[in-house]
Amino acid sequence: MRKKIFCFSGIDGSGKSTHIALLTKRIISSEGKFKYVWFRHPKFFSYVILGLCRFMGLTKVIKHPSGTKMWETGFYMNKAVRTLWPHFQLIDAFLFWINKVYLPYLLGYIVFLDRSPVDTLVDVAYDVRNESLIRRYIGKLYRCILPSCTFSLIFDAEPGTAINRKDDEHDIQQLTIKRRLYRRVAEINGLQVINTKRPVDVVHNEVVQYVGVHIGNVAGATVQ
């Protein structure tokens, strides 16, 4: 079955956005309709939990050595929040998927996702400090969001390499844990993993080969 929805997942700095940008300039399909979707931190009902965390004092401002300030929420610090957060994010991920991904797919678009419910699952597992979520029922529900018309690629990069590619602040320990989680998700679900430590052109040719099986011609195109 040819795929029409392509998900690019992996830690920050692994090369997802770079290769999506290169790919969408090269691919031509008979439909000629492409959609780019950034799928990260879907929020609707999840704002209830975020507001609760603010009220309970679980959210604080972290200042990095460079002076950058970021909000950090300790979802793992409260049992009720630790239980509810993965479920609220699951609901929001499903709603976002239907609205931003599945509807364009039904309208004939080929959809490229910069991150997907796979990334939401990894983020949530890290947020609540529970890596076993990947294998439990909640992890299976996240993966069930992806229909059979979806093709997923996991971009794998060493945390140190990923940090060097990004201008903003990142925690190498966090990236190390998330990289391990992505690998587990790929192993459990049989997802294709691409090593992005290699030169960009080498990696991109491999990406084109995987995607080209489902779309066909590769030459030049623009994203709508």
N, C-alpha and C. Protein backbone atom coordinates (compact mmCIF):
# COMPACT_ATOMS: atom_id res chain seq x y z
N MET A 1 0.84 -1.20 0.00
CA MET A 1 0.00 0.00 0.00
C MET A 1 0.87 1.25 0.00
N ARG A 2 0.64 2.15 -0.93
CA ARG A 2 1.40 3.40 -0.97
C ARG A 2 0.95 4.33 0.15
N LYS A 3 1.94 4.96 0.77
CA LYS A 3 1.66 5.85 1.90
C LYS A 3 1.44 7.28 1.39
N LYS A 4 0.61 8.02 2.14
CA LYS A 4 0.33 9.41 1.80
C LYS A 4 0.66 10.36 2.95
N ILE A 5 0.95 9.80 4.13
CA ILE A 5 1.30 10.61 5.29
C ILE A 5 2.69 10.17 5.74
N PHE A 6 3.62 11.13 5.82
CA PHE A 6 5.00 10.81 6.16
C PHE A 6 5.39 11.52 7.45
N CYS A 7 5.78 10.73 8.46
CA CYS A 7 6.14 11.28 9.76
C CYS A 7 7.64 11.21 9.98
N PHE A 8 8.23 12.33 10.34
CA PHE A 8 9.66 12.41 10.61
C PHE A 8 9.85 12.71 12.09
N SER A 9 10.39 11.75 12.82
CA SER A 9 10.50 11.87 14.27
C SER A 9 11.95 11.78 14.72
N GLY A 10 12.20 12.23 15.95
CA GLY A 10 13.55 12.17 16.51
C GLY A 10 13.81 13.32 17.46
N ILE A 11 14.94 13.26 18.15
CA ILE A 11 15.27 14.32 19.11
C ILE A 11 15.53 15.64 18.39
N ASP A 12 15.47 16.73 19.13
CA ASP A 12 15.79 18.04 18.56
C ASP A 12 17.22 18.02 18.01
N GLY A 13 17.37 18.53 16.78
CA GLY A 13 18.69 18.60 16.19
C GLY A 13 19.08 17.34 15.41
N SER A 14 18.14 16.41 15.23
CA SER A 14 18.46 15.16 14.52
C SER A 14 18.35 15.30 13.01
N GLY A 15 17.81 16.42 12.53
CA GLY A 15 17.77 16.67 11.08
C GLY A 15 16.42 16.57 10.42
N LYS A 16 15.36 16.47 11.20
CA LYS A 16 14.00 16.31 10.65
C LYS A 16 13.61 17.46 9.73
N SER A 17 13.66 18.67 10.23
CA SER A 17 13.22 19.84 9.46
C SER A 17 14.07 20.03 8.21
N THR A 18 15.37 19.80 8.35
CA THR A 18 16.28 19.96 7.21
C THR A 18 15.89 19.04 6.06
N HIS A 19 15.64 17.77 6.37
CA HIS A 19 15.36 16.80 5.31
C HIS A 19 13.93 16.92 4.78
N ILE A 20 13.01 17.39 5.59
CA ILE A 20 11.66 17.65 5.08
C ILE A 20 11.72 18.78 4.07
N ALA A 21 12.49 19.85 4.40
CA ALA A 21 12.62 20.99 3.49
C ALA A 21 13.25 20.56 2.17
N LEU A 22 14.30 19.75 2.23
CA LEU A 22 14.96 19.27 1.02
C LEU A 22 14.05 18.35 0.22
N LEU A 23 13.31 17.51 0.93
CA LEU A 23 12.45 16.53 0.27
C LEU A 23 11.30 17.17 -0.48
N THR A 24 10.65 18.12 0.15
CA THR A 24 9.48 18.73 -0.47
C THR A 24 9.82 19.60 -1.67
N LYS A 25 11.09 19.93 -1.83
CA LYS A 25 11.51 20.69 -3.01
C LYS A 25 11.79 19.77 -4.20
N ARG A 26 11.90 18.46 -3.92
CA ARG A 26 12.31 17.52 -4.97
C ARG A 26 11.17 16.62 -5.45
N ILE A 27 10.16 16.44 -4.63
CA ILE A 27 9.16 15.43 -4.96
C ILE A 27 8.04 15.97 -5.85
N ILE A 28 7.73 15.23 -6.88
CA ILE A 28 6.61 15.55 -7.76
C ILE A 28 5.65 14.37 -7.71
N SER A 29 4.36 14.67 -7.51
CA SER A 29 3.35 13.62 -7.57
C SER A 29 2.29 14.04 -8.57
N SER A 30 1.48 13.11 -8.99
CA SER A 30 0.43 13.42 -9.96
C SER A 30 -0.58 14.40 -9.36
N GLU A 31 -0.78 14.32 -8.04
CA GLU A 31 -1.70 15.25 -7.39
C GLU A 31 -1.11 16.66 -7.26
N GLY A 32 0.18 16.72 -7.01
CA GLY A 32 0.85 18.00 -6.86
C GLY A 32 0.41 18.79 -5.65
N LYS A 33 -0.12 18.11 -4.62
CA LYS A 33 -0.62 18.80 -3.43
C LYS A 33 0.14 18.30 -2.21
N PHE A 34 0.83 19.24 -1.54
CA PHE A 34 1.63 18.88 -0.38
C PHE A 34 1.23 19.74 0.81
N LYS A 35 1.34 19.16 1.98
CA LYS A 35 1.04 19.90 3.20
C LYS A 35 2.13 19.63 4.23
N TYR A 36 2.67 20.69 4.83
CA TYR A 36 3.65 20.55 5.90
C TYR A 36 2.95 20.82 7.22
N VAL A 37 3.16 19.93 8.20
CA VAL A 37 2.53 20.08 9.52
C VAL A 37 3.59 19.92 10.59
N TRP A 38 3.66 20.89 11.49
CA TRP A 38 4.55 20.78 12.64
C TRP A 38 3.74 20.22 13.81
N PHE A 39 4.09 19.01 14.24
CA PHE A 39 3.30 18.29 15.24
C PHE A 39 4.10 18.20 16.54
N ARG A 40 3.92 19.19 17.40
CA ARG A 40 4.66 19.18 18.67
C ARG A 40 3.80 19.81 19.76
N HIS A 41 3.72 19.18 20.89
CA HIS A 41 3.00 19.69 22.05
C HIS A 41 1.55 20.09 21.72
N PRO A 42 0.73 19.19 21.18
CA PRO A 42 -0.67 19.55 20.91
C PRO A 42 -1.38 19.90 22.21
N LYS A 43 -2.10 21.00 22.21
CA LYS A 43 -2.76 21.43 23.44
C LYS A 43 -4.18 21.93 23.17
N PHE A 44 -5.11 21.43 23.91
CA PHE A 44 -6.49 21.92 23.97
C PHE A 44 -7.00 21.61 25.37
N PHE A 45 -7.35 20.35 25.59
CA PHE A 45 -7.74 19.94 26.94
C PHE A 45 -6.54 19.94 27.88
N SER A 46 -5.35 19.81 27.32
CA SER A 46 -4.14 19.77 28.15
C SER A 46 -3.90 21.07 28.91
N TYR A 47 -4.50 22.16 28.45
CA TYR A 47 -4.35 23.42 29.18
C TYR A 47 -4.92 23.32 30.59
N VAL A 48 -5.88 22.43 30.79
CA VAL A 48 -6.44 22.21 32.13
C VAL A 48 -5.35 21.71 33.07
N ILE A 49 -4.58 20.74 32.61
CA ILE A 49 -3.50 20.19 33.43
C ILE A 49 -2.38 21.21 33.63
N LEU A 50 -2.06 21.96 32.58
CA LEU A 50 -1.03 22.98 32.71
C LEU A 50 -1.43 24.06 33.71
N GLY A 51 -2.71 24.46 33.68
CA GLY A 51 -3.19 25.43 34.64
C GLY A 51 -3.15 24.88 36.06
N LEU A 52 -3.49 23.61 36.21
CA LEU A 52 -3.45 22.96 37.52
C LEU A 52 -2.02 22.92 38.05
N CYS A 53 -1.09 22.66 37.16
CA CYS A 53 0.33 22.61 37.57
C CYS A 53 0.81 23.98 38.04
N ARG A 54 0.38 25.03 37.33
CA ARG A 54 0.74 26.39 37.76
C ARG A 54 0.18 26.67 39.15
N PHE A 55 -1.07 26.27 39.36
CA PHE A 55 -1.75 26.51 40.64
C PHE A 55 -1.05 25.75 41.77
N MET A 56 -0.58 24.54 41.47
CA MET A 56 0.04 23.69 42.49
C MET A 56 1.52 24.00 42.70
N GLY A 57 2.04 24.93 41.90
CA GLY A 57 3.44 25.29 42.05
C GLY A 57 4.41 24.30 41.43
N LEU A 58 3.93 23.52 40.47
CA LEU A 58 4.78 22.53 39.81
C LEU A 58 5.51 23.12 38.60
N THR A 59 5.16 24.34 38.23
CA THR A 59 5.78 25.00 37.08
C THR A 59 6.69 26.13 37.57
N LYS A 60 7.89 26.15 37.03
CA LYS A 60 8.84 27.19 37.43
C LYS A 60 9.66 27.65 36.23
N VAL A 61 10.29 28.78 36.38
CA VAL A 61 11.13 29.33 35.32
C VAL A 61 12.57 28.89 35.55
N ILE A 62 13.16 28.31 34.49
CA ILE A 62 14.55 27.87 34.56
C ILE A 62 15.40 28.82 33.73
N LYS A 63 16.49 29.31 34.32
CA LYS A 63 17.39 30.22 33.62
C LYS A 63 18.67 29.48 33.27
N HIS A 64 18.96 29.39 31.97
CA HIS A 64 20.17 28.72 31.51
C HIS A 64 21.37 29.67 31.63
N PRO A 65 22.58 29.11 31.63
CA PRO A 65 23.79 29.94 31.75
C PRO A 65 23.87 31.06 30.72
N SER A 66 23.28 30.83 29.54
CA SER A 66 23.32 31.84 28.48
C SER A 66 22.38 33.00 28.75
N GLY A 67 21.51 32.82 29.76
CA GLY A 67 20.54 33.85 30.08
C GLY A 67 19.13 33.56 29.58
N THR A 68 18.99 32.50 28.77
CA THR A 68 17.68 32.12 28.24
C THR A 68 16.79 31.59 29.36
N LYS A 69 15.53 32.06 29.39
CA LYS A 69 14.58 31.61 30.39
C LYS A 69 13.55 30.67 29.75
N MET A 70 13.28 29.57 30.43
CA MET A 70 12.32 28.59 29.92
C MET A 70 11.42 28.12 31.06
N TRP A 71 10.16 27.81 30.69
CA TRP A 71 9.22 27.25 31.67
C TRP A 71 9.45 25.76 31.77
N GLU A 72 9.48 25.25 32.97
CA GLU A 72 9.63 23.81 33.19
C GLU A 72 8.55 23.33 34.16
N THR A 73 7.83 22.28 33.77
CA THR A 73 6.74 21.77 34.59
C THR A 73 7.07 20.38 35.10
N GLY A 74 6.98 20.19 36.41
CA GLY A 74 7.29 18.90 37.02
C GLY A 74 6.07 17.99 37.07
N PHE A 75 5.66 17.50 35.91
CA PHE A 75 4.49 16.61 35.86
C PHE A 75 4.69 15.38 36.73
N TYR A 76 5.93 14.93 36.86
CA TYR A 76 6.25 13.71 37.60
C TYR A 76 6.18 13.89 39.12
N MET A 77 6.06 15.12 39.57
CA MET A 77 6.13 15.40 41.00
C MET A 77 4.82 15.16 41.74
N ASN A 78 3.73 14.96 41.01
CA ASN A 78 2.43 14.73 41.64
C ASN A 78 1.79 13.50 41.01
N LYS A 79 1.30 12.57 41.80
CA LYS A 79 0.78 11.30 41.30
C LYS A 79 -0.40 11.49 40.36
N ALA A 80 -1.34 12.37 40.75
CA ALA A 80 -2.54 12.58 39.92
C ALA A 80 -2.15 13.20 38.57
N VAL A 81 -1.29 14.20 38.61
CA VAL A 81 -0.84 14.85 37.38
C VAL A 81 -0.06 13.87 36.52
N ARG A 82 0.76 13.07 37.17
CA ARG A 82 1.57 12.08 36.47
C ARG A 82 0.69 11.07 35.72
N THR A 83 -0.48 10.79 36.28
CA THR A 83 -1.42 9.85 35.65
C THR A 83 -2.24 10.53 34.55
N LEU A 84 -2.68 11.75 34.80
CA LEU A 84 -3.58 12.43 33.88
C LEU A 84 -2.88 12.98 32.63
N TRP A 85 -1.66 13.48 32.79
CA TRP A 85 -0.97 14.15 31.69
C TRP A 85 -0.88 13.30 30.42
N PRO A 86 -0.46 12.04 30.49
CA PRO A 86 -0.39 11.23 29.26
C PRO A 86 -1.74 11.07 28.57
N HIS A 87 -2.82 10.99 29.34
CA HIS A 87 -4.15 10.80 28.76
C HIS A 87 -4.67 12.08 28.11
N PHE A 88 -4.44 13.22 28.75
CA PHE A 88 -4.87 14.49 28.16
C PHE A 88 -4.09 14.79 26.89
N GLN A 89 -2.80 14.49 26.90
CA GLN A 89 -2.00 14.69 25.69
C GLN A 89 -2.43 13.73 24.57
N LEU A 90 -2.83 12.54 24.92
CA LEU A 90 -3.32 11.58 23.94
C LEU A 90 -4.57 12.11 23.24
N ILE A 91 -5.50 12.64 24.03
CA ILE A 91 -6.73 13.20 23.45
C ILE A 91 -6.41 14.35 22.51
N ASP A 92 -5.54 15.25 22.96
CA ASP A 92 -5.18 16.41 22.14
C ASP A 92 -4.41 16.01 20.89
N ALA A 93 -3.57 14.99 21.00
CA ALA A 93 -2.83 14.51 19.84
C ALA A 93 -3.79 13.93 18.81
N PHE A 94 -4.80 13.22 19.28
CA PHE A 94 -5.79 12.64 18.38
C PHE A 94 -6.59 13.74 17.67
N LEU A 95 -7.03 14.75 18.42
CA LEU A 95 -7.81 15.85 17.84
C LEU A 95 -6.97 16.63 16.82
N PHE A 96 -5.72 16.89 17.17
CA PHE A 96 -4.83 17.61 16.26
C PHE A 96 -4.61 16.80 14.99
N TRP A 97 -4.42 15.49 15.15
CA TRP A 97 -4.20 14.62 14.00
C TRP A 97 -5.39 14.66 13.04
N ILE A 98 -6.60 14.55 13.58
CA ILE A 98 -7.80 14.56 12.74
C ILE A 98 -7.92 15.88 11.98
N ASN A 99 -7.70 16.98 12.68
CA ASN A 99 -7.90 18.31 12.09
C ASN A 99 -6.79 18.71 11.12
N LYS A 100 -5.53 18.52 11.52
CA LYS A 100 -4.40 19.03 10.75
C LYS A 100 -3.78 18.03 9.79
N VAL A 101 -4.03 16.74 10.02
CA VAL A 101 -3.37 15.72 9.21
C VAL A 101 -4.36 14.89 8.40
N TYR A 102 -5.31 14.28 9.08
CA TYR A 102 -6.19 13.33 8.40
C TYR A 102 -7.15 14.02 7.43
N LEU A 103 -7.66 15.18 7.79
CA LEU A 103 -8.56 15.89 6.87
C LEU A 103 -7.84 16.31 5.59
N PRO A 104 -6.63 16.91 5.67
CA PRO A 104 -5.89 17.19 4.43
C PRO A 104 -5.62 15.93 3.61
N TYR A 105 -5.33 14.83 4.30
CA TYR A 105 -5.12 13.56 3.60
C TYR A 105 -6.37 13.15 2.82
N LEU A 106 -7.54 13.28 3.44
CA LEU A 106 -8.80 12.95 2.76
C LEU A 106 -9.07 13.86 1.58
N LEU A 107 -8.53 15.09 1.64
CA LEU A 107 -8.70 16.04 0.55
C LEU A 107 -7.68 15.85 -0.57
N GLY A 108 -6.84 14.83 -0.43
CA GLY A 108 -5.90 14.50 -1.50
C GLY A 108 -4.49 15.01 -1.32
N TYR A 109 -4.20 15.60 -0.18
CA TYR A 109 -2.86 16.10 0.06
C TYR A 109 -1.91 14.97 0.48
N ILE A 110 -0.66 15.10 0.09
CA ILE A 110 0.41 14.30 0.68
C ILE A 110 0.93 15.12 1.84
N VAL A 111 0.93 14.54 3.03
CA VAL A 111 1.24 15.30 4.25
C VAL A 111 2.60 14.90 4.81
N PHE A 112 3.43 15.91 5.07
CA PHE A 112 4.74 15.70 5.70
C PHE A 112 4.67 16.27 7.12
N LEU A 113 4.95 15.41 8.11
CA LEU A 113 4.88 15.83 9.50
C LEU A 113 6.28 15.99 10.10
N ASP A 114 6.54 17.16 10.62
CA ASP A 114 7.74 17.41 11.41
C ASP A 114 7.36 17.06 12.84
N ARG A 115 7.63 15.82 13.23
CA ARG A 115 7.19 15.19 14.47
C ARG A 115 5.78 14.61 14.29
N SER A 116 5.40 13.74 15.23
CA SER A 116 4.15 13.02 15.11
C SER A 116 3.70 12.55 16.49
N PRO A 117 2.61 11.77 16.60
CA PRO A 117 2.23 11.22 17.90
C PRO A 117 3.32 10.39 18.56
N VAL A 118 4.24 9.86 17.75
CA VAL A 118 5.38 9.13 18.31
C VAL A 118 6.21 10.06 19.19
N ASP A 119 6.42 11.29 18.72
CA ASP A 119 7.20 12.28 19.48
C ASP A 119 6.45 12.72 20.73
N THR A 120 5.12 12.85 20.60
CA THR A 120 4.31 13.21 21.76
C THR A 120 4.42 12.15 22.83
N LEU A 121 4.39 10.88 22.43
CA LEU A 121 4.55 9.77 23.37
C LEU A 121 5.90 9.83 24.07
N VAL A 122 6.96 10.07 23.31
CA VAL A 122 8.30 10.17 23.90
C VAL A 122 8.37 11.34 24.86
N ASP A 123 7.82 12.49 24.47
CA ASP A 123 7.82 13.67 25.35
C ASP A 123 7.08 13.39 26.65
N VAL A 124 5.93 12.74 26.54
CA VAL A 124 5.11 12.44 27.71
C VAL A 124 5.82 11.46 28.64
N ALA A 125 6.43 10.43 28.06
CA ALA A 125 7.15 9.45 28.87
C ALA A 125 8.28 10.13 29.65
N TYR A 126 8.94 11.10 28.99
CA TYR A 126 9.98 11.84 29.68
C TYR A 126 9.38 12.79 30.73
N ASP A 127 8.30 13.45 30.38
CA ASP A 127 7.67 14.41 31.30
C ASP A 127 7.31 13.78 32.64
N VAL A 128 6.78 12.55 32.60
CA VAL A 128 6.33 11.90 33.84
C VAL A 128 7.39 10.95 34.39
N ARG A 129 8.57 10.95 33.74
CA ARG A 129 9.69 10.11 34.17
C ARG A 129 9.28 8.63 34.28
N ASN A 130 8.61 8.16 33.23
CA ASN A 130 8.15 6.77 33.22
C ASN A 130 8.37 6.18 31.83
N GLU A 131 9.53 5.59 31.61
CA GLU A 131 9.86 5.05 30.31
C GLU A 131 9.03 3.82 29.95
N SER A 132 8.40 3.19 30.95
CA SER A 132 7.58 2.00 30.68
C SER A 132 6.29 2.33 29.93
N LEU A 133 5.94 3.64 29.86
CA LEU A 133 4.74 4.03 29.11
C LEU A 133 4.84 3.60 27.65
N ILE A 134 6.05 3.52 27.13
CA ILE A 134 6.27 3.14 25.74
C ILE A 134 5.64 1.78 25.43
N ARG A 135 5.72 0.86 26.41
CA ARG A 135 5.23 -0.50 26.19
C ARG A 135 3.83 -0.74 26.75
N ARG A 136 3.33 0.16 27.55
CA ARG A 136 2.02 -0.05 28.18
C ARG A 136 0.89 0.33 27.24
N TYR A 137 -0.36 0.15 27.72
CA TYR A 137 -1.54 0.38 26.88
C TYR A 137 -1.60 1.80 26.35
N ILE A 138 -1.15 2.78 27.15
CA ILE A 138 -1.22 4.18 26.72
C ILE A 138 -0.29 4.41 25.54
N GLY A 139 0.85 3.72 25.53
CA GLY A 139 1.76 3.83 24.41
C GLY A 139 1.16 3.23 23.15
N LYS A 140 0.44 2.14 23.30
CA LYS A 140 -0.23 1.51 22.15
C LYS A 140 -1.31 2.42 21.59
N LEU A 141 -2.00 3.15 22.47
CA LEU A 141 -3.04 4.06 22.01
C LEU A 141 -2.46 5.22 21.19
N TYR A 142 -1.32 5.73 21.62
CA TYR A 142 -0.65 6.79 20.85
C TYR A 142 -0.32 6.28 19.45
N ARG A 143 0.20 5.06 19.38
CA ARG A 143 0.59 4.51 18.10
C ARG A 143 -0.60 4.18 17.22
N CYS A 144 -1.75 3.93 17.85
CA CYS A 144 -2.97 3.63 17.09
C CYS A 144 -3.51 4.85 16.34
N ILE A 145 -3.05 6.04 16.72
CA ILE A 145 -3.48 7.26 16.01
C ILE A 145 -3.02 7.21 14.56
N LEU A 146 -1.86 6.59 14.34
CA LEU A 146 -1.28 6.53 13.00
C LEU A 146 -1.99 5.47 12.16
N PRO A 147 -2.68 5.85 11.08
CA PRO A 147 -3.37 4.87 10.23
C PRO A 147 -2.40 4.12 9.33
N SER A 148 -2.92 3.15 8.61
CA SER A 148 -2.06 2.32 7.74
C SER A 148 -1.46 3.10 6.58
N CYS A 149 -2.00 4.27 6.28
CA CYS A 149 -1.48 5.08 5.17
C CYS A 149 -0.29 5.95 5.61
N THR A 150 0.25 5.65 6.80
CA THR A 150 1.34 6.46 7.36
C THR A 150 2.68 5.73 7.26
N PHE A 151 3.71 6.48 6.88
CA PHE A 151 5.08 5.95 6.87
C PHE A 151 5.90 6.79 7.84
N SER A 152 6.59 6.13 8.76
CA SER A 152 7.35 6.84 9.79
C SER A 152 8.84 6.57 9.69
N LEU A 153 9.62 7.63 9.88
CA LEU A 153 11.08 7.53 9.94
C LEU A 153 11.55 8.13 11.26
N ILE A 154 12.46 7.43 11.92
CA ILE A 154 13.06 7.95 13.14
C ILE A 154 14.47 8.44 12.80
N PHE A 155 14.71 9.73 12.99
CA PHE A 155 16.03 10.30 12.73
C PHE A 155 16.86 10.19 14.01
N ASP A 156 17.96 9.47 13.92
CA ASP A 156 18.78 9.18 15.09
C ASP A 156 20.09 9.95 15.03
N ALA A 157 20.39 10.69 16.09
CA ALA A 157 21.64 11.45 16.17
C ALA A 157 22.15 11.42 17.59
N GLU A 158 23.46 11.44 17.76
CA GLU A 158 24.05 11.50 19.09
C GLU A 158 23.70 12.85 19.72
N PRO A 159 23.36 12.87 21.00
CA PRO A 159 22.97 14.12 21.67
C PRO A 159 23.96 15.26 21.48
N GLY A 160 25.27 14.96 21.57
CA GLY A 160 26.27 16.02 21.39
C GLY A 160 26.22 16.62 20.01
N THR A 161 26.04 15.78 19.00
CA THR A 161 25.92 16.26 17.62
C THR A 161 24.66 17.09 17.45
N ALA A 162 23.56 16.62 18.03
CA ALA A 162 22.28 17.33 17.92
C ALA A 162 22.36 18.72 18.55
N ILE A 163 23.01 18.82 19.70
CA ILE A 163 23.13 20.11 20.39
C ILE A 163 23.95 21.10 19.55
N ASN A 164 24.98 20.61 18.91
CA ASN A 164 25.82 21.48 18.08
C ASN A 164 25.08 22.04 16.88
N ARG A 165 24.00 21.35 16.45
CA ARG A 165 23.23 21.80 15.30
C ARG A 165 22.19 22.86 15.65
N LYS A 166 21.91 23.01 16.94
CA LYS A 166 20.85 23.92 17.38
C LYS A 166 21.44 25.13 18.07
N ASP A 167 20.78 26.29 17.88
CA ASP A 167 21.25 27.52 18.52
C ASP A 167 20.68 27.68 19.94
N ASP A 168 19.51 27.06 20.19
CA ASP A 168 18.89 27.24 21.50
C ASP A 168 19.46 26.25 22.51
N GLU A 169 19.05 26.43 23.77
CA GLU A 169 19.59 25.62 24.86
C GLU A 169 18.93 24.24 24.91
N HIS A 170 19.74 23.19 25.11
CA HIS A 170 19.21 21.85 25.28
C HIS A 170 19.98 21.14 26.39
N ASP A 171 19.28 20.25 27.06
CA ASP A 171 19.85 19.45 28.13
C ASP A 171 20.33 18.13 27.53
N ILE A 172 21.63 17.86 27.58
CA ILE A 172 22.17 16.66 26.95
C ILE A 172 21.64 15.39 27.64
N GLN A 173 21.39 15.48 28.94
CA GLN A 173 20.83 14.32 29.63
C GLN A 173 19.42 14.01 29.13
N GLN A 174 18.62 15.07 28.94
CA GLN A 174 17.27 14.89 28.42
C GLN A 174 17.30 14.29 27.01
N LEU A 175 18.17 14.80 26.16
CA LEU A 175 18.28 14.28 24.80
C LEU A 175 18.73 12.82 24.80
N THR A 176 19.62 12.46 25.72
CA THR A 176 20.09 11.08 25.81
C THR A 176 18.96 10.13 26.16
N ILE A 177 18.13 10.54 27.12
CA ILE A 177 16.99 9.71 27.53
C ILE A 177 15.98 9.60 26.40
N LYS A 178 15.69 10.72 25.75
CA LYS A 178 14.71 10.69 24.67
C LYS A 178 15.21 9.87 23.48
N ARG A 179 16.50 9.96 23.21
CA ARG A 179 17.05 9.14 22.12
C ARG A 179 16.82 7.66 22.42
N ARG A 180 17.04 7.27 23.66
CA ARG A 180 16.80 5.87 24.06
C ARG A 180 15.33 5.49 23.88
N LEU A 181 14.43 6.40 24.22
CA LEU A 181 13.01 6.15 24.07
C LEU A 181 12.61 6.00 22.61
N TYR A 182 13.15 6.86 21.75
CA TYR A 182 12.86 6.74 20.31
C TYR A 182 13.31 5.38 19.78
N ARG A 183 14.46 4.94 20.21
CA ARG A 183 14.97 3.65 19.74
C ARG A 183 14.06 2.52 20.20
N ARG A 184 13.53 2.63 21.41
CA ARG A 184 12.63 1.60 21.91
C ARG A 184 11.33 1.58 21.13
N VAL A 185 10.80 2.75 20.85
CA VAL A 185 9.57 2.84 20.06
C VAL A 185 9.79 2.23 18.68
N ALA A 186 10.94 2.54 18.07
CA ALA A 186 11.25 1.99 16.75
C ALA A 186 11.35 0.48 16.80
N GLU A 187 11.98 -0.04 17.84
CA GLU A 187 12.14 -1.49 17.98
C GLU A 187 10.80 -2.18 18.17
N ILE A 188 9.96 -1.62 19.02
CA ILE A 188 8.65 -2.22 19.32
C ILE A 188 7.75 -2.22 18.09
N ASN A 189 7.80 -1.15 17.31
CA ASN A 189 6.88 -0.98 16.20
C ASN A 189 7.47 -1.25 14.83
N GLY A 190 8.74 -1.64 14.80
CA GLY A 190 9.37 -1.93 13.52
C GLY A 190 9.53 -0.71 12.63
N LEU A 191 9.80 0.46 13.24
CA LEU A 191 9.95 1.69 12.47
C LEU A 191 11.39 1.81 11.93
N GLN A 192 11.51 2.45 10.79
CA GLN A 192 12.82 2.62 10.16
C GLN A 192 13.61 3.71 10.88
N VAL A 193 14.85 3.40 11.23
CA VAL A 193 15.74 4.36 11.89
C VAL A 193 16.85 4.76 10.93
N ILE A 194 17.10 6.07 10.82
CA ILE A 194 18.14 6.59 9.95
C ILE A 194 19.20 7.31 10.78
N ASN A 195 20.45 6.91 10.60
CA ASN A 195 21.56 7.54 11.28
C ASN A 195 21.91 8.86 10.59
N THR A 196 21.68 9.98 11.27
CA THR A 196 21.90 11.29 10.64
C THR A 196 23.24 11.92 11.01
N LYS A 197 24.12 11.12 11.57
CA LYS A 197 25.46 11.63 11.87
C LYS A 197 26.27 11.75 10.58
N ARG A 198 25.88 11.04 9.55
CA ARG A 198 26.58 11.04 8.26
C ARG A 198 26.35 12.36 7.52
N PRO A 199 27.07 12.60 6.42
CA PRO A 199 26.88 13.83 5.64
C PRO A 199 25.43 13.99 5.19
N VAL A 200 24.98 15.24 5.09
CA VAL A 200 23.58 15.53 4.77
C VAL A 200 23.15 14.90 3.46
N ASP A 201 24.01 14.97 2.42
CA ASP A 201 23.62 14.44 1.12
C ASP A 201 23.44 12.92 1.15
N VAL A 202 24.27 12.24 1.94
CA VAL A 202 24.16 10.78 2.06
C VAL A 202 22.85 10.40 2.75
N VAL A 203 22.56 11.10 3.85
CA VAL A 203 21.32 10.84 4.59
C VAL A 203 20.11 11.15 3.73
N HIS A 204 20.17 12.28 3.02
CA HIS A 204 19.02 12.69 2.23
C HIS A 204 18.73 11.70 1.10
N ASN A 205 19.76 11.18 0.48
CA ASN A 205 19.54 10.19 -0.58
C ASN A 205 18.83 8.96 -0.03
N GLU A 206 19.15 8.60 1.21
CA GLU A 206 18.49 7.45 1.84
C GLU A 206 17.02 7.77 2.13
N VAL A 207 16.77 8.99 2.60
CA VAL A 207 15.39 9.42 2.87
C VAL A 207 14.57 9.39 1.58
N VAL A 208 15.15 9.91 0.51
CA VAL A 208 14.47 9.95 -0.79
C VAL A 208 14.12 8.54 -1.26
N GLN A 209 15.01 7.59 -1.04
CA GLN A 209 14.75 6.21 -1.44
C GLN A 209 13.55 5.64 -0.71
N TYR A 210 13.47 5.89 0.60
CA TYR A 210 12.35 5.37 1.39
C TYR A 210 11.03 6.00 0.96
N VAL A 211 11.03 7.33 0.85
CA VAL A 211 9.80 8.04 0.51
C VAL A 211 9.42 7.81 -0.95
N GLY A 212 10.41 7.72 -1.82
CA GLY A 212 10.15 7.55 -3.25
C GLY A 212 9.41 6.28 -3.58
N VAL A 213 9.53 5.27 -2.73
CA VAL A 213 8.80 4.02 -2.94
C VAL A 213 7.30 4.26 -2.95
N HIS A 214 6.85 5.25 -2.16
CA HIS A 214 5.41 5.50 -2.00
C HIS A 214 4.91 6.65 -2.88
N ILE A 215 5.78 7.60 -3.21
CA ILE A 215 5.35 8.75 -3.99
C ILE A 215 5.78 8.64 -5.45
N GLY A 216 7.00 8.18 -5.69
CA GLY A 216 7.42 8.00 -7.07
C GLY A 216 8.47 9.00 -7.51
N ASN A 217 8.11 9.86 -8.48
CA ASN A 217 9.09 10.77 -9.09
C ASN A 217 9.72 11.74 -8.10
N VAL A 218 10.99 11.95 -8.27
CA VAL A 218 11.73 12.92 -7.43
C VAL A 218 12.44 13.90 -8.34
N ALA A 219 12.04 15.17 -8.21
CA ALA A 219 12.69 16.18 -9.06
C ALA A 219 12.67 17.54 -8.39
N GLY A 220 11.52 18.17 -8.33
CA GLY A 220 11.45 19.50 -7.70
C GLY A 220 10.01 19.89 -7.49
N ALA A 221 9.70 20.39 -6.34
CA ALA A 221 8.33 20.77 -6.03
C ALA A 221 8.32 21.79 -4.92
N THR A 222 7.19 22.39 -4.69
CA THR A 222 7.05 23.35 -3.61
C THR A 222 5.95 22.91 -2.68
N VAL A 223 6.06 23.33 -1.43
CA VAL A 223 5.07 22.98 -0.42
C VAL A 223 3.94 23.97 -0.44
N GLN A 224 2.70 23.46 -0.33
CA GLN A 224 1.55 24.38 -0.29
C GLN A 224 1.23 24.72 1.14
